């Protein structure tokens, strides 16, 4: 009896994920522009006339777009740690994410807050130069980790993604070896039963249901993004896992569609589905979390087409 064949060779950089990531980033520009016309959030500026259609359309992107960015970041982290080691990975993340984060917080983030202040009170003639020190007047707020600074006007704004990605990367570095070893042990089971790839939907549903959804983080709980990043790291570019993902893609996509449709009554009712503890609100959050994983899994499988030799 011949030896069992090894896993398919992992390919190099996955171009389809680079394209998808670029499309998400470009889509975010249009998404935030559309929020000017949405009635349901506290955006910096608002049009005089708003429409709920923006909120409905945004929901189809919110459920998978930011989760996909964190999952792809986890895939990249696996390869980076393999090349650089945990210490080198942490240093590289601090340089590539930490330095731009500090610059953006000091230079870019004050402007939207100043514009918001002026829009709220047209009679306010505070100059930008006078507002800047007020923006930087902060106090510690460890309870909101990793957003540990707070102030009357201070915020990281749209840089919240960078804050979370940097924090999660630094948390990942010291446990990367054990996580990779654990992932290797579950690959044989995934190879035999691709349906097991749906299991991460359960902890994601639990996090959203029990910790609540956060409007400021694209409708997801911040810690759900950590799970997406860890899943990306654990399942990174193993040939058998990729084959299983392709097999599970269509069923996962259909299941995600059903789950997402199941959130409609809870969101339409409008009884604070993000944080309320009514059974309907908790169920809505759980269905949203599970739907997000199903759609991310489906996209990974559908876009991963084996190259013909």
C-alpha atoms as a PDB file:
ATOM      1  CA  UNK A   1       0.000   0.000   0.000  1.00  0.00           C
ATOM      2  CA  UNK A   2       1.489   3.315  -1.009  1.00  0.00           C
ATOM      3  CA  UNK A   3       1.978   6.160   1.400  1.00  0.00           C
ATOM      4  CA  UNK A   4      -0.836   8.669   1.771  1.00  0.00           C
ATOM      5  CA  UNK A   5      -0.163  11.651  -0.444  1.00  0.00           C
ATOM      6  CA  UNK A   6       0.806  14.844   1.303  1.00  0.00           C
ATOM      7  CA  UNK A   7      -1.206  18.000   1.151  1.00  0.00           C
ATOM      8  CA  UNK A   8      -1.317  19.902  -2.078  1.00  0.00           C
ATOM      9  CA  UNK A   9       1.474  22.383  -2.330  1.00  0.00           C
ATOM     10  CA  UNK A  10       0.497  25.782  -1.037  1.00  0.00           C
ATOM     11  CA  UNK A  11       0.696  28.453  -3.646  1.00  0.00           C
ATOM     12  CA  UNK A  12       2.339  31.811  -3.265  1.00  0.00           C
ATOM     13  CA  UNK A  13       0.568  35.109  -2.966  1.00  0.00           C
ATOM     14  CA  UNK A  14      -3.150  34.820  -3.674  1.00  0.00           C
ATOM     15  CA  UNK A  15      -3.899  37.486  -6.229  1.00  0.00           C
ATOM     16  CA  UNK A  16      -7.659  37.135  -5.908  1.00  0.00           C
ATOM     17  CA  UNK A  17      -7.468  38.124  -2.238  1.00  0.00           C
ATOM     18  CA  UNK A  18      -5.376  41.177  -3.091  1.00  0.00           C
ATOM     19  CA  UNK A  19      -8.027  42.214  -5.616  1.00  0.00           C
ATOM     20  CA  UNK A  20     -10.844  41.575  -3.134  1.00  0.00           C
ATOM     21  CA  UNK A  21      -9.078  43.587  -0.447  1.00  0.00           C
ATOM     22  CA  UNK A  22      -8.567  46.475  -2.865  1.00  0.00           C
ATOM     23  CA  UNK A  23     -12.238  46.370  -3.857  1.00  0.00           C
ATOM     24  CA  UNK A  24     -13.298  46.478  -0.202  1.00  0.00           C
ATOM     25  CA  UNK A  25     -11.060  49.489   0.458  1.00  0.00           C
ATOM     26  CA  UNK A  26     -12.431  51.317  -2.594  1.00  0.00           C
ATOM     27  CA  UNK A  27     -15.938  50.323  -1.559  1.00  0.00           C
ATOM     28  CA  UNK A  28     -15.368  51.897   1.846  1.00  0.00           C
ATOM     29  CA  UNK A  29     -14.963  55.286   0.166  1.00  0.00           C
ATOM     30  CA  UNK A  30     -18.423  55.009  -1.392  1.00  0.00           C
ATOM     31  CA  UNK A  31     -19.830  53.481   1.802  1.00  0.00           C
ATOM     32  CA  UNK A  32     -18.779  56.422   3.942  1.00  0.00           C
ATOM     33  CA  UNK A  33     -19.935  58.891   1.311  1.00  0.00           C
ATOM     34  CA  UNK A  34     -23.349  57.202   1.395  1.00  0.00           C
ATOM     35  CA  UNK A  35     -23.577  57.602   5.176  1.00  0.00           C
ATOM     36  CA  UNK A  36     -24.199  61.295   4.587  1.00  0.00           C
ATOM     37  CA  UNK A  37     -27.654  60.214   3.365  1.00  0.00           C
ATOM     38  CA  UNK A  38     -28.341  57.584   6.052  1.00  0.00           C
ATOM     39  CA  UNK A  39     -30.722  58.464   8.909  1.00  0.00           C
ATOM     40  CA  UNK A  40     -29.458  55.810  11.293  1.00  0.00           C
ATOM     41  CA  UNK A  41     -26.020  56.800  12.529  1.00  0.00           C
ATOM     42  CA  UNK A  42     -24.074  59.700  14.023  1.00  0.00           C
ATOM     43  CA  UNK A  43     -21.931  60.577  11.019  1.00  0.00           C
ATOM     44  CA  UNK A  44     -19.862  63.762  10.842  1.00  0.00           C
ATOM     45  CA  UNK A  45     -22.193  65.517   8.414  1.00  0.00           C
ATOM     46  CA  UNK A  46     -25.707  64.758   7.189  1.00  0.00           C
ATOM     47  CA  UNK A  47     -27.696  65.733   4.147  1.00  0.00           C
ATOM     48  CA  UNK A  48     -30.958  67.544   4.845  1.00  0.00           C
ATOM     49  CA  UNK A  49     -32.818  64.645   3.228  1.00  0.00           C
ATOM     50  CA  UNK A  50     -31.948  61.067   4.208  1.00  0.00           C
ATOM     51  CA  UNK A  51     -33.242  57.650   3.201  1.00  0.00           C
ATOM     52  CA  UNK A  52     -33.375  54.284   4.925  1.00  0.00           C
ATOM     53  CA  UNK A  53     -32.485  52.607   1.621  1.00  0.00           C
ATOM     54  CA  UNK A  54     -28.842  53.466   2.308  1.00  0.00           C
ATOM     55  CA  UNK A  55     -28.945  51.497   5.553  1.00  0.00           C
ATOM     56  CA  UNK A  56     -30.478  48.455   3.854  1.00  0.00           C
ATOM     57  CA  UNK A  57     -27.927  48.426   1.035  1.00  0.00           C
ATOM     58  CA  UNK A  58     -25.051  48.985   3.449  1.00  0.00           C
ATOM     59  CA  UNK A  59     -26.088  45.912   5.421  1.00  0.00           C
ATOM     60  CA  UNK A  60     -25.171  43.632   2.529  1.00  0.00           C
ATOM     61  CA  UNK A  61     -21.596  44.909   2.640  1.00  0.00           C
ATOM     62  CA  UNK A  62     -21.210  45.327   6.391  1.00  0.00           C
ATOM     63  CA  UNK A  63     -21.902  41.656   7.057  1.00  0.00           C
ATOM     64  CA  UNK A  64     -18.777  40.482   5.198  1.00  0.00           C
ATOM     65  CA  UNK A  65     -16.480  43.346   4.120  1.00  0.00           C
ATOM     66  CA  UNK A  66     -14.587  44.260   7.298  1.00  0.00           C
ATOM     67  CA  UNK A  67     -14.537  40.613   8.487  1.00  0.00           C
ATOM     68  CA  UNK A  68     -12.885  39.707   5.195  1.00  0.00           C
ATOM     69  CA  UNK A  69     -10.172  42.336   5.717  1.00  0.00           C
ATOM     70  CA  UNK A  70      -9.326  40.893   9.126  1.00  0.00           C
ATOM     71  CA  UNK A  71      -9.345  37.324   7.837  1.00  0.00           C
ATOM     72  CA  UNK A  72      -7.023  38.236   4.968  1.00  0.00           C
ATOM     73  CA  UNK A  73      -4.790  40.008   7.504  1.00  0.00           C
ATOM     74  CA  UNK A  74      -4.634  36.735   9.428  1.00  0.00           C
ATOM     75  CA  UNK A  75      -3.603  34.869   6.295  1.00  0.00           C
ATOM     76  CA  UNK A  76      -0.822  37.372   5.711  1.00  0.00           C
ATOM     77  CA  UNK A  77       0.277  37.231   9.348  1.00  0.00           C
ATOM     78  CA  UNK A  78       0.872  33.475   9.075  1.00  0.00           C
ATOM     79  CA  UNK A  79       3.290  33.928   6.191  1.00  0.00           C
ATOM     80  CA  UNK A  80       4.955  36.955   7.794  1.00  0.00           C
ATOM     81  CA  UNK A  81       5.599  35.126  11.071  1.00  0.00           C
ATOM     82  CA  UNK A  82       6.927  32.148   9.141  1.00  0.00           C
ATOM     83  CA  UNK A  83       9.506  34.412   7.482  1.00  0.00           C
ATOM     84  CA  UNK A  84      10.351  36.827  10.294  1.00  0.00           C
ATOM     85  CA  UNK A  85       9.544  34.974  13.497  1.00  0.00           C
ATOM     86  CA  UNK A  86       7.204  36.369  16.177  1.00  0.00           C
ATOM     87  CA  UNK A  87       9.590  39.124  17.280  1.00  0.00           C
ATOM     88  CA  UNK A  88      10.302  40.285  13.756  1.00  0.00           C
ATOM     89  CA  UNK A  89       6.600  40.209  12.962  1.00  0.00           C
ATOM     90  CA  UNK A  90       5.788  42.388  15.981  1.00  0.00           C
ATOM     91  CA  UNK A  91       8.480  44.923  15.033  1.00  0.00           C
ATOM     92  CA  UNK A  92       7.281  45.012  11.436  1.00  0.00           C
ATOM     93  CA  UNK A  93       3.678  45.591  12.547  1.00  0.00           C
ATOM     94  CA  UNK A  94       4.723  48.411  14.862  1.00  0.00           C
ATOM     95  CA  UNK A  95       6.519  50.126  11.995  1.00  0.00           C
ATOM     96  CA  UNK A  96       3.936  49.523   9.275  1.00  0.00           C
ATOM     97  CA  UNK A  97       0.859  50.120  11.421  1.00  0.00           C
ATOM     98  CA  UNK A  98       1.974  51.968  14.544  1.00  0.00           C
ATOM     99  CA  UNK A  99       3.806  54.833  12.855  1.00  0.00           C
ATOM    100  CA  UNK A 100       0.993  55.614  10.366  1.00  0.00           C
ATOM    101  CA  UNK A 101      -1.516  55.323  13.224  1.00  0.00           C
ATOM    102  CA  UNK A 102       0.263  57.974  15.278  1.00  0.00           C
ATOM    103  CA  UNK A 103       0.610  60.254  12.255  1.00  0.00           C
ATOM    104  CA  UNK A 104      -3.021  59.817  11.228  1.00  0.00           C
ATOM    105  CA  UNK A 105      -4.314  60.393  14.750  1.00  0.00           C
ATOM    106  CA  UNK A 106      -2.363  63.625  15.144  1.00  0.00           C
ATOM    107  CA  UNK A 107      -2.759  65.013  11.629  1.00  0.00           C
ATOM    108  CA  UNK A 108      -5.905  63.567  10.033  1.00  0.00           C
ATOM    109  CA  UNK A 109      -8.368  62.713  12.804  1.00  0.00           C
ATOM    110  CA  UNK A 110      -8.799  66.234  14.268  1.00  0.00           C
ATOM    111  CA  UNK A 111     -10.211  67.658  11.019  1.00  0.00           C
ATOM    112  CA  UNK A 112     -13.513  65.686  10.902  1.00  0.00           C
ATOM    113  CA  UNK A 113     -14.158  66.465  14.557  1.00  0.00           C
ATOM    114  CA  UNK A 114     -13.551  70.158  13.944  1.00  0.00           C
ATOM    115  CA  UNK A 115     -15.947  70.080  10.980  1.00  0.00           C
ATOM    116  CA  UNK A 116     -18.535  68.298  13.126  1.00  0.00           C
ATOM    117  CA  UNK A 117     -18.193  71.002  15.782  1.00  0.00           C
ATOM    118  CA  UNK A 118     -18.673  73.746  13.214  1.00  0.00           C
ATOM    119  CA  UNK A 119     -21.653  71.974  11.610  1.00  0.00           C
ATOM    120  CA  UNK A 120     -23.383  71.537  14.977  1.00  0.00           C
ATOM    121  CA  UNK A 121     -23.125  75.260  15.731  1.00  0.00           C
ATOM    122  CA  UNK A 122     -22.671  77.552  12.714  1.00  0.00           C
ATOM    123  CA  UNK A 123     -22.027  80.425  15.111  1.00  0.00           C
ATOM    124  CA  UNK A 124     -18.947  78.657  16.487  1.00  0.00           C
ATOM    125  CA  UNK A 125     -15.909  80.368  14.966  1.00  0.00           C
ATOM    126  CA  UNK A 126     -13.236  78.231  16.650  1.00  0.00           C
ATOM    127  CA  UNK A 127     -10.217  78.078  14.365  1.00  0.00           C
ATOM    128  CA  UNK A 128      -8.632  74.755  13.519  1.00  0.00           C
ATOM    129  CA  UNK A 129      -5.443  75.816  15.278  1.00  0.00           C
ATOM    130  CA  UNK A 130      -7.365  76.548  18.474  1.00  0.00           C
ATOM    131  CA  UNK A 131      -9.314  73.286  18.224  1.00  0.00           C
ATOM    132  CA  UNK A 132      -6.258  71.024  17.769  1.00  0.00           C
ATOM    133  CA  UNK A 133      -5.093  71.192  21.439  1.00  0.00           C
ATOM    134  CA  UNK A 134      -8.670  70.514  22.554  1.00  0.00           C
ATOM    135  CA  UNK A 135      -8.704  67.399  20.388  1.00  0.00           C
ATOM    136  CA  UNK A 136      -5.497  66.189  22.042  1.00  0.00           C
ATOM    137  CA  UNK A 137      -6.820  66.747  25.572  1.00  0.00           C
ATOM    138  CA  UNK A 138      -7.213  63.097  26.589  1.00  0.00           C
ATOM    139  CA  UNK A 139      -7.558  60.889  29.644  1.00  0.00           C
ATOM    140  CA  UNK A 140      -6.928  57.151  30.127  1.00  0.00           C
ATOM    141  CA  UNK A 141      -9.865  54.849  29.462  1.00  0.00           C
ATOM    142  CA  UNK A 142      -8.600  51.258  29.911  1.00  0.00           C
ATOM    143  CA  UNK A 143     -12.161  49.894  30.060  1.00  0.00           C
ATOM    144  CA  UNK A 144     -12.512  50.605  26.330  1.00  0.00           C
ATOM    145  CA  UNK A 145      -9.424  48.560  25.391  1.00  0.00           C
ATOM    146  CA  UNK A 146      -7.736  48.808  22.966  1.00  0.00           C
ATOM    147  CA  UNK A 147      -9.045  52.378  22.605  1.00  0.00           C
ATOM    148  CA  UNK A 148      -7.386  53.398  25.847  1.00  0.00           C
ATOM    149  CA  UNK A 149      -7.480  57.184  25.334  1.00  0.00           C
ATOM    150  CA  UNK A 150     -10.652  59.244  25.532  1.00  0.00           C
ATOM    151  CA  UNK A 151     -11.560  62.911  25.478  1.00  0.00           C
ATOM    152  CA  UNK A 152     -14.358  65.316  24.719  1.00  0.00           C
ATOM    153  CA  UNK A 153     -13.295  65.591  21.087  1.00  0.00           C
ATOM    154  CA  UNK A 154     -10.603  62.917  20.735  1.00  0.00           C
ATOM    155  CA  UNK A 155     -11.250  59.887  18.552  1.00  0.00           C
ATOM    156  CA  UNK A 156      -9.351  57.565  16.242  1.00  0.00           C
ATOM    157  CA  UNK A 157     -12.175  57.864  13.721  1.00  0.00           C
ATOM    158  CA  UNK A 158     -11.847  55.636  10.697  1.00  0.00           C
ATOM    159  CA  UNK A 159      -8.439  54.514  11.970  1.00  0.00           C
ATOM    160  CA  UNK A 160     -10.190  52.118  14.359  1.00  0.00           C
ATOM    161  CA  UNK A 161      -9.339  49.357  11.895  1.00  0.00           C
ATOM    162  CA  UNK A 162      -5.627  50.113  12.271  1.00  0.00           C
ATOM    163  CA  UNK A 163      -5.932  50.227  16.080  1.00  0.00           C
ATOM    164  CA  UNK A 164      -7.579  46.817  16.165  1.00  0.00           C
ATOM    165  CA  UNK A 165      -5.272  45.272  13.578  1.00  0.00           C
ATOM    166  CA  UNK A 166      -2.150  46.447  15.412  1.00  0.00           C
ATOM    167  CA  UNK A 167      -3.486  45.272  18.776  1.00  0.00           C
ATOM    168  CA  UNK A 168      -4.547  41.878  17.469  1.00  0.00           C
ATOM    169  CA  UNK A 169      -1.214  41.397  15.694  1.00  0.00           C
ATOM    170  CA  UNK A 170       0.705  42.051  18.908  1.00  0.00           C
ATOM    171  CA  UNK A 171      -1.593  39.676  20.806  1.00  0.00           C
ATOM    172  CA  UNK A 172      -1.095  37.025  18.133  1.00  0.00           C
ATOM    173  CA  UNK A 173       2.705  37.109  17.992  1.00  0.00           C
ATOM    174  CA  UNK A 174       3.487  35.296  21.289  1.00  0.00           C
ATOM    175  CA  UNK A 175       0.960  32.488  20.698  1.00  0.00           C
ATOM    176  CA  UNK A 176       1.469  32.070  16.953  1.00  0.00           C
ATOM    177  CA  UNK A 177       3.474  28.854  17.228  1.00  0.00           C
ATOM    178  CA  UNK A 178       0.914  27.075  19.387  1.00  0.00           C
ATOM    179  CA  UNK A 179      -1.967  28.270  17.238  1.00  0.00           C
ATOM    180  CA  UNK A 180      -0.285  27.027  14.061  1.00  0.00           C
ATOM    181  CA  UNK A 181       0.419  23.639  15.657  1.00  0.00           C
ATOM    182  CA  UNK A 182      -3.182  23.322  16.796  1.00  0.00           C
ATOM    183  CA  UNK A 183      -4.452  24.230  13.346  1.00  0.00           C
ATOM    184  CA  UNK A 184      -2.277  21.534  11.784  1.00  0.00           C
ATOM    185  CA  UNK A 185      -3.966  18.921  13.973  1.00  0.00           C
ATOM    186  CA  UNK A 186      -7.451  19.765  12.715  1.00  0.00           C
ATOM    187  CA  UNK A 187      -6.574  19.755   9.001  1.00  0.00           C
ATOM    188  CA  UNK A 188      -7.217  15.989   8.566  1.00  0.00           C
ATOM    189  CA  UNK A 189     -10.729  16.403   9.990  1.00  0.00           C
ATOM    190  CA  UNK A 190     -11.435  19.349   7.670  1.00  0.00           C
ATOM    191  CA  UNK A 191     -10.195  17.319   4.742  1.00  0.00           C
ATOM    192  CA  UNK A 192     -12.701  14.558   5.491  1.00  0.00           C
ATOM    193  CA  UNK A 193     -15.600  16.796   6.516  1.00  0.00           C
ATOM    194  CA  UNK A 194     -15.570  20.268   4.921  1.00  0.00           C
ATOM    195  CA  UNK A 195     -18.773  21.043   6.841  1.00  0.00           C
ATOM    196  CA  UNK A 196     -16.550  21.553   9.897  1.00  0.00           C
ATOM    197  CA  UNK A 197     -15.415  24.811   8.304  1.00  0.00           C
ATOM    198  CA  UNK A 198     -18.768  26.225   9.390  1.00  0.00           C
ATOM    199  CA  UNK A 199     -17.946  25.787  13.085  1.00  0.00           C
ATOM    200  CA  UNK A 200     -16.357  29.264  13.541  1.00  0.00           C
ATOM    201  CA  UNK A 201     -19.847  30.647  12.930  1.00  0.00           C
ATOM    202  CA  UNK A 202     -20.782  29.488  16.441  1.00  0.00           C
ATOM    203  CA  UNK A 203     -18.264  31.549  18.471  1.00  0.00           C
ATOM    204  CA  UNK A 204     -18.852  34.521  16.173  1.00  0.00           C
ATOM    205  CA  UNK A 205     -22.579  34.269  16.791  1.00  0.00           C
ATOM    206  CA  UNK A 206     -21.928  34.020  20.533  1.00  0.00           C
ATOM    207  CA  UNK A 207     -19.616  37.053  20.633  1.00  0.00           C
ATOM    208  CA  UNK A 208     -22.078  39.253  18.772  1.00  0.00           C
ATOM    209  CA  UNK A 209     -25.057  37.983  20.757  1.00  0.00           C
ATOM    210  CA  UNK A 210     -23.503  38.226  24.221  1.00  0.00           C
ATOM    211  CA  UNK A 211     -21.182  41.225  23.867  1.00  0.00           C
ATOM    212  CA  UNK A 212     -23.368  43.248  21.535  1.00  0.00           C
ATOM    213  CA  UNK A 213     -22.802  44.783  18.124  1.00  0.00           C
ATOM    214  CA  UNK A 214     -20.956  48.105  17.917  1.00  0.00           C
ATOM    215  CA  UNK A 215     -22.124  50.656  15.377  1.00  0.00           C
ATOM    216  CA  UNK A 216     -18.763  52.422  15.435  1.00  0.00           C
ATOM    217  CA  UNK A 217     -16.992  49.267  14.249  1.00  0.00           C
ATOM    218  CA  UNK A 218     -19.081  48.580  11.149  1.00  0.00           C
ATOM    219  CA  UNK A 219     -21.794  46.772  13.071  1.00  0.00           C
ATOM    220  CA  UNK A 220     -19.596  44.041  14.545  1.00  0.00           C
ATOM    221  CA  UNK A 221     -18.324  43.581  18.053  1.00  0.00           C
ATOM    222  CA  UNK A 222     -14.638  44.463  18.112  1.00  0.00           C
ATOM    223  CA  UNK A 223     -13.662  41.038  19.461  1.00  0.00           C
ATOM    224  CA  UNK A 224     -15.427  39.273  16.601  1.00  0.00           C
ATOM    225  CA  UNK A 225     -12.750  40.752  14.341  1.00  0.00           C
ATOM    226  CA  UNK A 226     -10.093  39.042  16.447  1.00  0.00           C
ATOM    227  CA  UNK A 227     -11.791  35.712  15.741  1.00  0.00           C
ATOM    228  CA  UNK A 228     -11.758  36.416  12.005  1.00  0.00           C
ATOM    229  CA  UNK A 229      -8.051  37.231  12.141  1.00  0.00           C
ATOM    230  CA  UNK A 230      -7.293  34.072  14.131  1.00  0.00           C
ATOM    231  CA  UNK A 231      -9.298  31.962  11.691  1.00  0.00           C
ATOM    232  CA  UNK A 232      -7.357  33.425   8.798  1.00  0.00           C
ATOM    233  CA  UNK A 233      -4.089  32.677  10.579  1.00  0.00           C
ATOM    234  CA  UNK A 234      -5.094  29.133  11.512  1.00  0.00           C
ATOM    235  CA  UNK A 235      -6.345  28.145   8.069  1.00  0.00           C
ATOM    236  CA  UNK A 236      -3.723  29.986   6.032  1.00  0.00           C
ATOM    237  CA  UNK A 237      -2.924  28.506   2.662  1.00  0.00           C
ATOM    238  CA  UNK A 238      -3.027  24.813   3.535  1.00  0.00           C
ATOM    239  CA  UNK A 239      -3.800  22.931   0.337  1.00  0.00           C
ATOM    240  CA  UNK A 240      -6.330  20.592   1.933  1.00  0.00           C
ATOM    241  CA  UNK A 241      -8.111  23.449   3.697  1.00  0.00           C
ATOM    242  CA  UNK A 242      -8.337  25.398   0.456  1.00  0.00           C
ATOM    243  CA  UNK A 243      -9.802  22.373  -1.319  1.00  0.00           C
ATOM    244  CA  UNK A 244     -12.328  21.911   1.487  1.00  0.00           C
ATOM    245  CA  UNK A 245     -13.225  25.607   1.315  1.00  0.00           C
ATOM    246  CA  UNK A 246     -13.943  25.338  -2.400  1.00  0.00           C
ATOM    247  CA  UNK A 247     -16.241  22.373  -1.742  1.00  0.00           C
ATOM    248  CA  UNK A 248     -18.080  24.198   1.046  1.00  0.00           C
ATOM    249  CA  UNK A 249     -18.401  27.540  -0.752  1.00  0.00           C
ATOM    250  CA  UNK A 250     -21.844  27.201  -2.348  1.00  0.00           C
ATOM    251  CA  UNK A 251     -23.583  25.588   0.664  1.00  0.00           C
ATOM    252  CA  UNK A 252     -21.975  28.182   2.953  1.00  0.00           C
ATOM    253  CA  UNK A 253     -23.134  31.022   0.729  1.00  0.00           C
ATOM    254  CA  UNK A 254     -26.705  29.735   0.645  1.00  0.00           C
ATOM    255  CA  UNK A 255     -26.729  29.201   4.405  1.00  0.00           C
ATOM    256  CA  UNK A 256     -25.361  32.712   4.880  1.00  0.00           C
ATOM    257  CA  UNK A 257     -28.159  34.114   2.731  1.00  0.00           C
ATOM    258  CA  UNK A 258     -30.793  32.329   4.841  1.00  0.00           C
ATOM    259  CA  UNK A 259     -29.188  33.481   8.095  1.00  0.00           C
ATOM    260  CA  UNK A 260     -28.877  37.066   6.890  1.00  0.00           C
ATOM    261  CA  UNK A 261     -32.517  37.062   5.796  1.00  0.00           C
ATOM    262  CA  UNK A 262     -33.350  35.895   9.309  1.00  0.00           C
ATOM    263  CA  UNK A 263     -31.936  39.132  10.731  1.00  0.00           C
ATOM    264  CA  UNK A 264     -34.433  41.281   8.808  1.00  0.00           C
ATOM    265  CA  UNK A 265     -37.305  41.152  11.338  1.00  0.00           C
ATOM    266  CA  UNK A 266     -35.001  42.138  14.199  1.00  0.00           C
ATOM    267  CA  UNK A 267     -33.420  45.049  12.359  1.00  0.00           C
ATOM    268  CA  UNK A 268     -36.703  46.289  10.895  1.00  0.00           C
ATOM    269  CA  UNK A 269     -38.377  46.256  14.311  1.00  0.00           C
ATOM    270  CA  UNK A 270     -35.791  48.801  15.416  1.00  0.00           C
ATOM    271  CA  UNK A 271     -35.864  47.895  19.116  1.00  0.00           C
ATOM    272  CA  UNK A 272     -32.113  48.420  19.565  1.00  0.00           C
ATOM    273  CA  UNK A 273     -31.005  45.087  18.054  1.00  0.00           C
ATOM    274  CA  UNK A 274     -27.343  46.059  18.553  1.00  0.00           C
ATOM    275  CA  UNK A 275     -27.392  45.945  22.354  1.00  0.00           C
ATOM    276  CA  UNK A 276     -30.858  45.072  23.714  1.00  0.00           C
ATOM    277  CA  UNK A 277     -31.346  41.879  25.731  1.00  0.00           C
ATOM    278  CA  UNK A 278     -34.729  40.930  24.339  1.00  0.00           C
ATOM    279  CA  UNK A 279     -34.817  37.423  22.802  1.00  0.00           C
ATOM    280  CA  UNK A 280     -35.407  38.910  19.340  1.00  0.00           C
ATOM    281  CA  UNK A 281     -32.396  41.242  19.596  1.00  0.00           C
ATOM    282  CA  UNK A 282     -30.061  38.516  20.877  1.00  0.00           C
ATOM    283  CA  UNK A 283     -31.195  36.161  18.107  1.00  0.00           C
ATOM    284  CA  UNK A 284     -30.713  38.877  15.487  1.00  0.00           C
ATOM    285  CA  UNK A 285     -27.136  39.480  16.607  1.00  0.00           C
ATOM    286  CA  UNK A 286     -26.373  35.761  16.643  1.00  0.00           C
ATOM    287  CA  UNK A 287     -27.761  35.256  13.142  1.00  0.00           C
ATOM    288  CA  UNK A 288     -25.755  38.238  11.877  1.00  0.00           C
ATOM    289  CA  UNK A 289     -22.516  36.831  13.307  1.00  0.00           C
ATOM    290  CA  UNK A 290     -23.103  33.392  11.805  1.00  0.00           C
ATOM    291  CA  UNK A 291     -24.106  34.865   8.434  1.00  0.00           C
ATOM    292  CA  UNK A 292     -20.903  36.885   8.308  1.00  0.00           C
ATOM    293  CA  UNK A 293     -18.712  33.799   8.653  1.00  0.00           C
ATOM    294  CA  UNK A 294     -20.723  31.904   6.039  1.00  0.00           C
ATOM    295  CA  UNK A 295     -20.366  34.690   3.492  1.00  0.00           C
ATOM    296  CA  UNK A 296     -16.653  35.137   4.119  1.00  0.00           C
ATOM    297  CA  UNK A 297     -16.131  31.389   3.759  1.00  0.00           C
ATOM    298  CA  UNK A 298     -18.188  31.337   0.571  1.00  0.00           C
ATOM    299  CA  UNK A 299     -16.203  34.189  -0.970  1.00  0.00           C
ATOM    300  CA  UNK A 300     -12.906  32.508  -0.114  1.00  0.00           C
ATOM    301  CA  UNK A 301     -14.004  29.308  -1.817  1.00  0.00           C
ATOM    302  CA  UNK A 302     -15.666  30.842  -4.851  1.00  0.00           C
ATOM    303  CA  UNK A 303     -12.714  33.098  -5.635  1.00  0.00           C
ATOM    304  CA  UNK A 304     -10.106  30.359  -5.152  1.00  0.00           C
ATOM    305  CA  UNK A 305      -9.975  28.735  -8.546  1.00  0.00           C
ATOM    306  CA  UNK A 306      -7.145  26.200  -9.069  1.00  0.00           C
ATOM    307  CA  UNK A 307      -4.754  27.267 -11.794  1.00  0.00           C
ATOM    308  CA  UNK A 308      -4.589  25.012 -14.822  1.00  0.00           C
ATOM    309  CA  UNK A 309      -1.178  23.598 -15.527  1.00  0.00           C
END
